[in-house]
Amino acid sequence: MYTFCVEKTLEAPLDKVWQVVSDFANLDWFGGAERVEQVGEGVGQVRRIFMPGSEQPVEEKLLALDHQRHSLEYQVLEGGVNVMQDYRVVASLEPAGDGTAARWDASFSGVAVEGVEPQSMIAVMQDMYGGMLDAIAAEARSR
């Protein structure tokens, strides 16, 4: 199993950041998503994220949502443009002074494409999550 973590302190209040993060199918704030389709509601829903230039979406299924602990868990479904196997993410938020400590813990069992190294996928995802956290903070501050 491969694991990685992205942590960042966001300059935005916890309640505002949680509003952005917990609205699972709304990625209007994320420039990397051309459009998002929601299938279902609540825990069990799937968001289909269409990236610019890609005909196939990344599909992510919401597995858990805990409003009291400000955390959620989702699985990135295999297929389409996702090449990581058994890919799961736990996103959690905690107060950090006037801001929010954000932590994205991810794990996957392997890569479905020959020649693609797990470490290179980790680097790509860490960069993406870092940018996403900045975008989440900006969106939270605008609310």
Protein backbone atom coordinates (compact mmCIF):
# COMPACT_ATOMS: atom_id res chain seq x y z
CA MET A 1 0.00 0.00 0.00
CA TYR A 2 1.23 3.48 -0.87
CA THR A 3 0.29 6.43 1.30
CA PHE A 4 0.85 10.15 1.27
CA CYS A 5 -0.41 13.18 3.11
CA VAL A 6 -0.85 16.83 2.22
CA GLU A 7 -1.18 19.28 5.10
CA LYS A 8 -1.65 23.01 4.90
CA THR A 9 -2.85 25.77 7.21
CA LEU A 10 -5.50 27.76 5.38
CA GLU A 11 -6.11 31.42 6.09
CA ALA A 12 -9.86 31.01 6.36
CA PRO A 13 -12.20 30.11 9.24
CA LEU A 14 -13.04 26.45 9.81
CA ASP A 15 -16.81 26.84 9.33
CA LYS A 16 -16.32 28.51 5.92
CA VAL A 17 -13.74 25.94 4.79
CA TRP A 18 -16.07 23.11 5.87
CA GLN A 19 -18.91 24.65 3.84
CA VAL A 20 -16.72 24.35 0.74
CA VAL A 21 -15.30 20.88 1.48
CA SER A 22 -18.54 19.25 2.65
CA ASP A 23 -20.44 20.33 -0.48
CA PHE A 24 -18.98 17.25 -2.15
CA ALA A 25 -20.39 17.61 -5.67
CA ASN A 26 -19.79 21.36 -5.96
CA LEU A 27 -16.34 22.03 -7.41
CA ASP A 28 -17.14 25.43 -8.93
CA TRP A 29 -14.09 26.78 -7.08
CA PHE A 30 -11.69 24.24 -8.66
CA GLY A 31 -10.18 25.45 -11.92
CA GLY A 32 -9.09 21.91 -12.82
CA ALA A 33 -12.71 20.83 -13.27
CA GLU A 34 -14.48 21.76 -16.48
CA ARG A 35 -17.78 20.43 -15.12
CA VAL A 36 -19.05 18.09 -12.42
CA GLU A 37 -22.05 15.78 -12.54
CA GLN A 38 -23.62 14.52 -9.32
CA VAL A 39 -25.14 11.04 -9.17
CA GLY A 40 -27.18 10.45 -6.03
CA GLU A 41 -27.15 12.43 -2.79
CA GLY A 42 -25.47 12.24 0.59
CA VAL A 43 -23.11 9.42 1.52
CA GLY A 44 -22.91 7.09 -1.46
CA GLN A 45 -23.18 9.84 -4.07
CA VAL A 46 -20.70 9.94 -6.93
CA ARG A 47 -19.24 13.08 -8.43
CA ARG A 48 -18.06 12.83 -12.01
CA ILE A 49 -15.33 15.35 -12.62
CA PHE A 50 -14.63 16.24 -16.23
CA MET A 51 -11.17 17.75 -16.68
CA PRO A 52 -10.39 20.06 -19.60
CA GLY A 53 -9.59 18.05 -22.73
CA SER A 54 -10.79 14.74 -21.26
CA GLU A 55 -13.89 12.95 -22.47
CA GLN A 56 -13.91 10.52 -19.54
CA PRO A 57 -14.51 11.77 -16.00
CA VAL A 58 -12.75 11.01 -12.77
CA GLU A 59 -15.43 9.42 -10.57
CA GLU A 60 -15.28 9.86 -6.81
CA LYS A 61 -17.68 8.19 -4.37
CA LEU A 62 -18.44 9.76 -1.00
CA LEU A 63 -17.97 7.06 1.66
CA ALA A 64 -18.33 9.06 4.89
CA LEU A 65 -19.23 12.60 5.94
CA ASP A 66 -18.83 13.69 9.58
CA HIS A 67 -20.02 17.24 10.23
CA GLN A 68 -18.98 17.17 13.91
CA ARG A 69 -15.41 16.11 13.17
CA HIS A 70 -15.18 18.11 9.93
CA SER A 71 -14.01 15.10 7.94
CA LEU A 72 -15.02 13.14 4.91
CA GLU A 73 -13.80 10.06 3.09
CA TYR A 74 -14.09 9.26 -0.56
CA GLN A 75 -12.92 6.64 -3.03
CA VAL A 76 -11.65 7.46 -6.49
CA LEU A 77 -13.27 4.80 -8.63
CA GLU A 78 -11.03 2.86 -11.00
CA GLY A 79 -11.38 3.40 -14.71
CA GLY A 80 -11.61 6.43 -16.91
CA VAL A 81 -8.63 8.63 -16.26
CA ASN A 82 -7.87 7.24 -12.78
CA VAL A 83 -4.92 4.87 -12.99
CA MET A 84 -4.45 4.43 -9.23
CA GLN A 85 -5.92 1.27 -7.72
CA ASP A 86 -7.94 1.16 -4.47
CA TYR A 87 -7.48 4.92 -4.13
CA ARG A 88 -9.04 6.45 -1.02
CA VAL A 89 -8.80 9.86 0.57
CA VAL A 90 -9.68 11.09 4.06
CA ALA A 91 -9.96 14.86 4.28
CA SER A 92 -10.03 16.42 7.73
CA LEU A 93 -10.12 19.94 9.10
CA GLU A 94 -9.27 21.38 12.52
CA PRO A 95 -9.16 24.90 13.91
CA ALA A 96 -5.73 26.55 13.76
CA GLY A 97 -5.91 29.98 15.40
CA ASP A 98 -7.95 32.17 13.05
CA GLY A 99 -7.43 29.66 10.24
CA THR A 100 -7.93 26.00 9.47
CA ALA A 101 -5.51 23.09 9.51
CA ALA A 102 -6.38 20.95 6.48
CA ARG A 103 -5.09 17.40 6.06
CA TRP A 104 -5.64 15.10 3.07
CA ASP A 105 -4.52 11.51 3.75
CA ALA A 106 -4.51 9.28 0.68
CA SER A 107 -3.71 5.64 -0.01
CA PHE A 108 -3.66 3.35 -3.04
CA SER A 109 -2.49 -0.18 -3.72
CA GLY A 110 -0.82 0.31 -7.09
CA VAL A 111 -0.96 1.84 -10.55
CA ALA A 112 -2.93 0.21 -13.37
CA VAL A 113 -0.68 1.49 -16.16
CA GLU A 114 2.59 -0.27 -16.84
CA GLY A 115 5.60 2.01 -16.67
CA VAL A 116 3.97 4.57 -14.37
CA GLU A 117 5.70 4.60 -11.01
CA PRO A 118 3.65 5.02 -7.82
CA GLN A 119 6.08 7.71 -6.60
CA SER A 120 5.44 9.83 -9.69
CA MET A 121 1.69 9.58 -9.09
CA ILE A 122 2.21 10.63 -5.48
CA ALA A 123 4.14 13.71 -6.60
CA VAL A 124 1.41 14.66 -9.10
CA MET A 125 -1.35 14.23 -6.51
CA GLN A 126 0.52 16.13 -3.81
CA ASP A 127 0.90 19.09 -6.18
CA MET A 128 -2.76 18.90 -7.17
CA TYR A 129 -4.01 18.72 -3.56
CA GLY A 130 -1.75 21.63 -2.58
CA GLY A 131 -3.33 23.76 -5.30
CA MET A 132 -6.80 22.56 -4.39
CA LEU A 133 -6.30 23.57 -0.76
CA ASP A 134 -5.28 27.07 -1.86
CA ALA A 135 -8.42 27.25 -4.02
CA ILE A 136 -10.58 26.00 -1.12
CA ALA A 137 -9.16 28.73 1.13
CA ALA A 138 -9.82 31.41 -1.49
CA GLU A 139 -13.39 30.20 -1.95
CA ALA A 140 -13.96 30.06 1.82
CA ARG A 141 -12.71 33.64 2.25
CA SER A 142 -15.13 34.83 -0.44
CA ARG A 143 -18.18 33.46 1.43
